[in-house]
PDB file of all heavy atoms in Angstrom:
ATOM      1  N   ARG A   1      13.137  -2.576  -8.334  1.00  0.00           N
ATOM      2  CA  ARG A   1      11.687  -2.432  -8.259  1.00  0.00           C
ATOM      3  C   ARG A   1      11.223  -1.902  -6.907  1.00  0.00           C
ATOM      4  O   ARG A   1      10.047  -1.979  -6.581  1.00  0.00           O
ATOM      5  CB  ARG A   1      11.002  -3.784  -8.529  1.00  0.00           C
ATOM      6  CG  ARG A   1      11.132  -4.204  -9.970  1.00  0.00           C
ATOM      7  CD  ARG A   1      10.292  -3.309 -10.873  1.00  0.00           C
ATOM      8  NE  ARG A   1      10.661  -3.460 -12.256  1.00  0.00           N
ATOM      9  CZ  ARG A   1      11.023  -2.450 -13.039  1.00  0.00           C
ATOM     10  NH1 ARG A   1      11.081  -1.237 -12.584  1.00  0.00           N
ATOM     11  NH2 ARG A   1      11.330  -2.656 -14.290  1.00  0.00           N
ATOM     12  N   ILE A   2      12.138  -1.355  -6.111  1.00  0.00           N
ATOM     13  CA  ILE A   2      11.772  -0.820  -4.795  1.00  0.00           C
ATOM     14  C   ILE A   2      12.277   0.613  -4.702  1.00  0.00           C
ATOM     15  O   ILE A   2      13.403   0.910  -5.097  1.00  0.00           O
ATOM     16  CB  ILE A   2      12.396  -1.660  -3.662  1.00  0.00           C
ATOM     17  CG1 ILE A   2      11.893  -3.099  -3.730  1.00  0.00           C
ATOM     18  CG2 ILE A   2      12.065  -1.050  -2.297  1.00  0.00           C
ATOM     19  CD1 ILE A   2      12.622  -4.027  -2.787  1.00  0.00           C
ATOM     20  N   MET A   3      11.423   1.503  -4.187  1.00  0.00           N
ATOM     21  CA  MET A   3      11.843   2.884  -3.959  1.00  0.00           C
ATOM     22  C   MET A   3      11.226   3.378  -2.657  1.00  0.00           C
ATOM     23  O   MET A   3      10.244   2.826  -2.167  1.00  0.00           O
ATOM     24  CB  MET A   3      11.442   3.796  -5.117  1.00  0.00           C
ATOM     25  CG  MET A   3       9.963   4.008  -5.301  1.00  0.00           C
ATOM     26  SD  MET A   3       9.674   5.098  -6.708  1.00  0.00           S
ATOM     27  CE  MET A   3       7.882   5.013  -6.795  1.00  0.00           C
ATOM     28  N   THR A   4      11.839   4.399  -2.092  1.00  0.00           N
ATOM     29  CA  THR A   4      11.297   5.054  -0.912  1.00  0.00           C
ATOM     30  C   THR A   4      10.823   6.441  -1.333  1.00  0.00           C
ATOM     31  O   THR A   4      11.569   7.193  -1.963  1.00  0.00           O
ATOM     32  CB  THR A   4      12.350   5.171   0.204  1.00  0.00           C
ATOM     33  OG1 THR A   4      12.756   3.841   0.558  1.00  0.00           O
ATOM     34  CG2 THR A   4      11.787   5.870   1.429  1.00  0.00           C
ATOM     35  N   ILE A   5       9.565   6.734  -1.013  1.00  0.00           N
ATOM     36  CA  ILE A   5       8.958   8.024  -1.358  1.00  0.00           C
ATOM     37  C   ILE A   5       8.759   8.819  -0.080  1.00  0.00           C
ATOM     38  O   ILE A   5       8.220   8.310   0.898  1.00  0.00           O
ATOM     39  CB  ILE A   5       7.598   7.819  -2.045  1.00  0.00           C
ATOM     40  CG1 ILE A   5       7.784   7.057  -3.340  1.00  0.00           C
ATOM     41  CG2 ILE A   5       6.920   9.154  -2.285  1.00  0.00           C
ATOM     42  CD1 ILE A   5       6.492   6.732  -4.021  1.00  0.00           C
ATOM     43  N   ALA A   6       9.199  10.073  -0.104  1.00  0.00           N
ATOM     44  CA  ALA A   6       9.000  10.964   1.038  1.00  0.00           C
ATOM     45  C   ALA A   6       8.062  12.092   0.629  1.00  0.00           C
ATOM     46  O   ALA A   6       8.256  12.734  -0.407  1.00  0.00           O
ATOM     47  CB  ALA A   6      10.328  11.538   1.510  1.00  0.00           C
ATOM     48  N   THR A   7       7.020  12.302   1.427  1.00  0.00           N
ATOM     49  CA  THR A   7       6.053  13.379   1.230  1.00  0.00           C
ATOM     50  C   THR A   7       5.988  14.191   2.521  1.00  0.00           C
ATOM     51  O   THR A   7       6.593  13.821   3.526  1.00  0.00           O
ATOM     52  CB  THR A   7       4.660  12.820   0.890  1.00  0.00           C
ATOM     53  OG1 THR A   7       4.235  11.954   1.949  1.00  0.00           O
ATOM     54  CG2 THR A   7       4.674  12.043  -0.424  1.00  0.00           C
ATOM     55  N   LEU A   8       5.239  15.280   2.486  1.00  0.00           N
ATOM     56  CA  LEU A   8       5.092  16.120   3.676  1.00  0.00           C
ATOM     57  C   LEU A   8       3.741  15.907   4.329  1.00  0.00           C
ATOM     58  O   LEU A   8       2.703  16.025   3.676  1.00  0.00           O
ATOM     59  CB  LEU A   8       5.247  17.601   3.310  1.00  0.00           C
ATOM     60  CG  LEU A   8       6.645  18.033   2.935  1.00  0.00           C
ATOM     61  CD1 LEU A   8       6.635  19.488   2.468  1.00  0.00           C
ATOM     62  CD2 LEU A   8       7.587  17.868   4.112  1.00  0.00           C
ATOM     63  N   ARG A   9       3.764  15.621   5.617  1.00  0.00           N
ATOM     64  CA  ARG A   9       2.526  15.507   6.394  1.00  0.00           C
ATOM     65  C   ARG A   9       1.963  16.907   6.625  1.00  0.00           C
ATOM     66  O   ARG A   9       2.645  17.909   6.433  1.00  0.00           O
ATOM     67  CB  ARG A   9       2.810  14.829   7.730  1.00  0.00           C
ATOM     68  CG  ARG A   9       3.331  13.421   7.602  1.00  0.00           C
ATOM     69  CD  ARG A   9       3.528  12.723   8.914  1.00  0.00           C
ATOM     70  NE  ARG A   9       3.832  13.619  10.029  1.00  0.00           N
ATOM     71  CZ  ARG A   9       4.137  13.211  11.241  1.00  0.00           C
ATOM     72  NH1 ARG A   9       4.174  11.929  11.510  1.00  0.00           N
ATOM     73  NH2 ARG A   9       4.407  14.069  12.191  1.00  0.00           N
ATOM     74  N   PRO A  10       0.714  17.007   7.079  1.00  0.00           N
ATOM     75  CA  PRO A  10       0.117  18.321   7.332  1.00  0.00           C
ATOM     76  C   PRO A  10       0.895  19.156   8.343  1.00  0.00           C
ATOM     77  O   PRO A  10       0.899  20.387   8.259  1.00  0.00           O
ATOM     78  CB  PRO A  10      -1.275  17.994   7.868  1.00  0.00           C
ATOM     79  CG  PRO A  10      -1.581  16.626   7.381  1.00  0.00           C
ATOM     80  CD  PRO A  10      -0.251  15.921   7.275  1.00  0.00           C
ATOM     81  N   ASP A  11       1.577  18.501   9.279  1.00  0.00           N
ATOM     82  CA  ASP A  11       2.333  19.244  10.295  1.00  0.00           C
ATOM     83  C   ASP A  11       3.729  19.646   9.808  1.00  0.00           C
ATOM     84  O   ASP A  11       4.512  20.217  10.558  1.00  0.00           O
ATOM     85  CB  ASP A  11       2.434  18.445  11.590  1.00  0.00           C
ATOM     86  CG  ASP A  11       3.156  17.110  11.437  1.00  0.00           C
ATOM     87  OD1 ASP A  11       3.701  16.823  10.349  1.00  0.00           O
ATOM     88  OD2 ASP A  11       3.165  16.340  12.416  1.00  0.00           O
ATOM     89  N   GLY A  12       4.050  19.345   8.534  1.00  0.00           N
ATOM     90  CA  GLY A  12       5.330  19.740   7.969  1.00  0.00           C
ATOM     91  C   GLY A  12       6.438  18.716   8.098  1.00  0.00           C
ATOM     92  O   GLY A  12       7.506  18.877   7.520  1.00  0.00           O
ATOM     93  N   TRP A  13       6.205  17.667   8.866  1.00  0.00           N
ATOM     94  CA  TRP A  13       7.209  16.610   9.019  1.00  0.00           C
ATOM     95  C   TRP A  13       7.157  15.681   7.814  1.00  0.00           C
ATOM     96  O   TRP A  13       6.091  15.431   7.251  1.00  0.00           O
ATOM     97  CB  TRP A  13       6.941  15.812  10.294  1.00  0.00           C
ATOM     98  CG  TRP A  13       7.355  16.556  11.517  1.00  0.00           C
ATOM     99  CD1 TRP A  13       6.582  17.413  12.260  1.00  0.00           C
ATOM    100  CD2 TRP A  13       8.629  16.539  12.132  1.00  0.00           C
ATOM    101  NE1 TRP A  13       7.304  17.921  13.300  1.00  0.00           N
ATOM    102  CE2 TRP A  13       8.571  17.405  13.251  1.00  0.00           C
ATOM    103  CE3 TRP A  13       9.824  15.890  11.858  1.00  0.00           C
ATOM    104  CZ2 TRP A  13       9.658  17.625  14.078  1.00  0.00           C
ATOM    105  CZ3 TRP A  13      10.904  16.103  12.685  1.00  0.00           C
ATOM    106  CH2 TRP A  13      10.817  16.960  13.780  1.00  0.00           C
ATOM    107  N   PRO A  14       8.305  15.118   7.417  1.00  0.00           N
ATOM    108  CA  PRO A  14       8.312  14.195   6.281  1.00  0.00           C
ATOM    109  C   PRO A  14       7.750  12.828   6.665  1.00  0.00           C
ATOM    110  O   PRO A  14       7.820  12.423   7.821  1.00  0.00           O
ATOM    111  CB  PRO A  14       9.790  14.075   5.924  1.00  0.00           C
ATOM    112  CG  PRO A  14      10.511  14.384   7.193  1.00  0.00           C
ATOM    113  CD  PRO A  14       9.648  15.371   7.934  1.00  0.00           C
ATOM    114  N   GLN A  15       7.174  12.176   5.674  1.00  0.00           N
ATOM    115  CA  GLN A  15       6.732  10.794   5.829  1.00  0.00           C
ATOM    116  C   GLN A  15       7.385  10.005   4.701  1.00  0.00           C
ATOM    117  O   GLN A  15       7.168  10.307   3.520  1.00  0.00           O
ATOM    118  CB  GLN A  15       5.216  10.669   5.724  1.00  0.00           C
ATOM    119  CG  GLN A  15       4.760   9.228   5.801  1.00  0.00           C
ATOM    120  CD  GLN A  15       3.280   9.062   5.503  1.00  0.00           C
ATOM    121  OE1 GLN A  15       2.608  10.005   5.119  1.00  0.00           O
ATOM    122  NE2 GLN A  15       2.786   7.857   5.672  1.00  0.00           N
ATOM    123  N   ALA A  16       8.202   9.022   5.039  1.00  0.00           N
ATOM    124  CA  ALA A  16       8.890   8.205   4.042  1.00  0.00           C
ATOM    125  C   ALA A  16       8.348   6.786   4.096  1.00  0.00           C
ATOM    126  O   ALA A  16       8.215   6.207   5.165  1.00  0.00           O
ATOM    127  CB  ALA A  16      10.392   8.207   4.290  1.00  0.00           C
ATOM    128  N   THR A  17       8.029   6.250   2.918  1.00  0.00           N
ATOM    129  CA  THR A  17       7.470   4.914   2.806  1.00  0.00           C
ATOM    130  C   THR A  17       8.175   4.170   1.676  1.00  0.00           C
ATOM    131  O   THR A  17       8.362   4.731   0.597  1.00  0.00           O
ATOM    132  CB  THR A  17       5.960   4.980   2.488  1.00  0.00           C
ATOM    133  OG1 THR A  17       5.307   5.801   3.446  1.00  0.00           O
ATOM    134  CG2 THR A  17       5.336   3.601   2.499  1.00  0.00           C
ATOM    135  N   THR A  18       8.546   2.935   1.924  1.00  0.00           N
ATOM    136  CA  THR A  18       9.130   2.103   0.875  1.00  0.00           C
ATOM    137  C   THR A  18       8.002   1.411   0.128  1.00  0.00           C
ATOM    138  O   THR A  18       7.109   0.826   0.740  1.00  0.00           O
ATOM    139  CB  THR A  18      10.099   1.070   1.481  1.00  0.00           C
ATOM    140  OG1 THR A  18      11.140   1.777   2.161  1.00  0.00           O
ATOM    141  CG2 THR A  18      10.705   0.194   0.414  1.00  0.00           C
ATOM    142  N   VAL A  19       8.040   1.505  -1.203  1.00  0.00           N
ATOM    143  CA  VAL A  19       7.000   0.924  -2.053  1.00  0.00           C
ATOM    144  C   VAL A  19       7.648   0.233  -3.242  1.00  0.00           C
ATOM    145  O   VAL A  19       8.771   0.543  -3.627  1.00  0.00           O
ATOM    146  CB  VAL A  19       6.014   2.012  -2.568  1.00  0.00           C
ATOM    147  CG1 VAL A  19       5.265   2.669  -1.426  1.00  0.00           C
ATOM    148  CG2 VAL A  19       6.725   3.063  -3.398  1.00  0.00           C
ATOM    149  N   GLY A  20       6.927  -0.689  -3.820  1.00  0.00           N
ATOM    150  CA  GLY A  20       7.349  -1.280  -5.087  1.00  0.00           C
ATOM    151  C   GLY A  20       6.957  -0.331  -6.206  1.00  0.00           C
ATOM    152  O   GLY A  20       6.021   0.464  -6.061  1.00  0.00           O
ATOM    153  N   TYR A  21       7.651  -0.399  -7.337  1.00  0.00           N
ATOM    154  CA  TYR A  21       7.307   0.461  -8.459  1.00  0.00           C
ATOM    155  C   TYR A  21       7.472  -0.276  -9.775  1.00  0.00           C
ATOM    156  O   TYR A  21       8.146  -1.305  -9.867  1.00  0.00           O
ATOM    157  CB  TYR A  21       8.158   1.737  -8.456  1.00  0.00           C
ATOM    158  CG  TYR A  21       9.594   1.543  -8.892  1.00  0.00           C
ATOM    159  CD1 TYR A  21       9.969   1.635 -10.225  1.00  0.00           C
ATOM    160  CD2 TYR A  21      10.584   1.263  -7.958  1.00  0.00           C
ATOM    161  CE1 TYR A  21      11.294   1.444 -10.617  1.00  0.00           C
ATOM    162  CE2 TYR A  21      11.900   1.081  -8.343  1.00  0.00           C
ATOM    163  CZ  TYR A  21      12.250   1.174  -9.677  1.00  0.00           C
ATOM    164  OH  TYR A  21      13.552   0.979 -10.057  1.00  0.00           O
ATOM    165  N   ALA A  22       6.835   0.258 -10.790  1.00  0.00           N
ATOM    166  CA  ALA A  22       7.033  -0.146 -12.179  1.00  0.00           C
ATOM    167  C   ALA A  22       7.352   1.124 -12.941  1.00  0.00           C
ATOM    168  O   ALA A  22       6.925   2.208 -12.540  1.00  0.00           O
ATOM    169  CB  ALA A  22       5.779  -0.812 -12.731  1.00  0.00           C
ATOM    170  N   ASN A  23       8.111   0.989 -13.994  1.00  0.00           N
ATOM    171  CA  ASN A  23       8.411   2.176 -14.782  1.00  0.00           C
ATOM    172  C   ASN A  23       8.173   1.927 -16.255  1.00  0.00           C
ATOM    173  O   ASN A  23       8.270   0.809 -16.743  1.00  0.00           O
ATOM    174  CB  ASN A  23       9.843   2.665 -14.538  1.00  0.00           C
ATOM    175  CG  ASN A  23      10.885   1.743 -15.115  1.00  0.00           C
ATOM    176  OD1 ASN A  23      10.984   0.587 -14.694  1.00  0.00           O
ATOM    177  ND2 ASN A  23      11.664   2.235 -16.060  1.00  0.00           N
ATOM    178  N   GLU A  24       7.826   3.006 -16.930  1.00  0.00           N
ATOM    179  CA  GLU A  24       7.712   3.040 -18.380  1.00  0.00           C
ATOM    180  C   GLU A  24       8.606   4.199 -18.804  1.00  0.00           C
ATOM    181  O   GLU A  24       8.209   5.359 -18.712  1.00  0.00           O
ATOM    182  CB  GLU A  24       6.264   3.270 -18.780  1.00  0.00           C
ATOM    183  CG  GLU A  24       5.986   3.123 -20.239  1.00  0.00           C
ATOM    184  CD  GLU A  24       4.505   3.197 -20.544  1.00  0.00           C
ATOM    185  OE1 GLU A  24       3.674   3.253 -19.626  1.00  0.00           O
ATOM    186  OE2 GLU A  24       4.186   3.223 -21.733  1.00  0.00           O
ATOM    187  N   GLY A  25       9.836   3.883 -19.133  1.00  0.00           N
ATOM    188  CA  GLY A  25      10.822   4.936 -19.367  1.00  0.00           C
ATOM    189  C   GLY A  25      11.097   5.643 -18.050  1.00  0.00           C
ATOM    190  O   GLY A  25      11.339   5.008 -17.029  1.00  0.00           O
TER     191      GLY A  25
END
């Protein structure tokens, strides 16, 4: 139930955050 999501900040550097998740399939 835990995942790390990485997105791109406006300056092009990655931002990684650990979050809880739920899934449906």
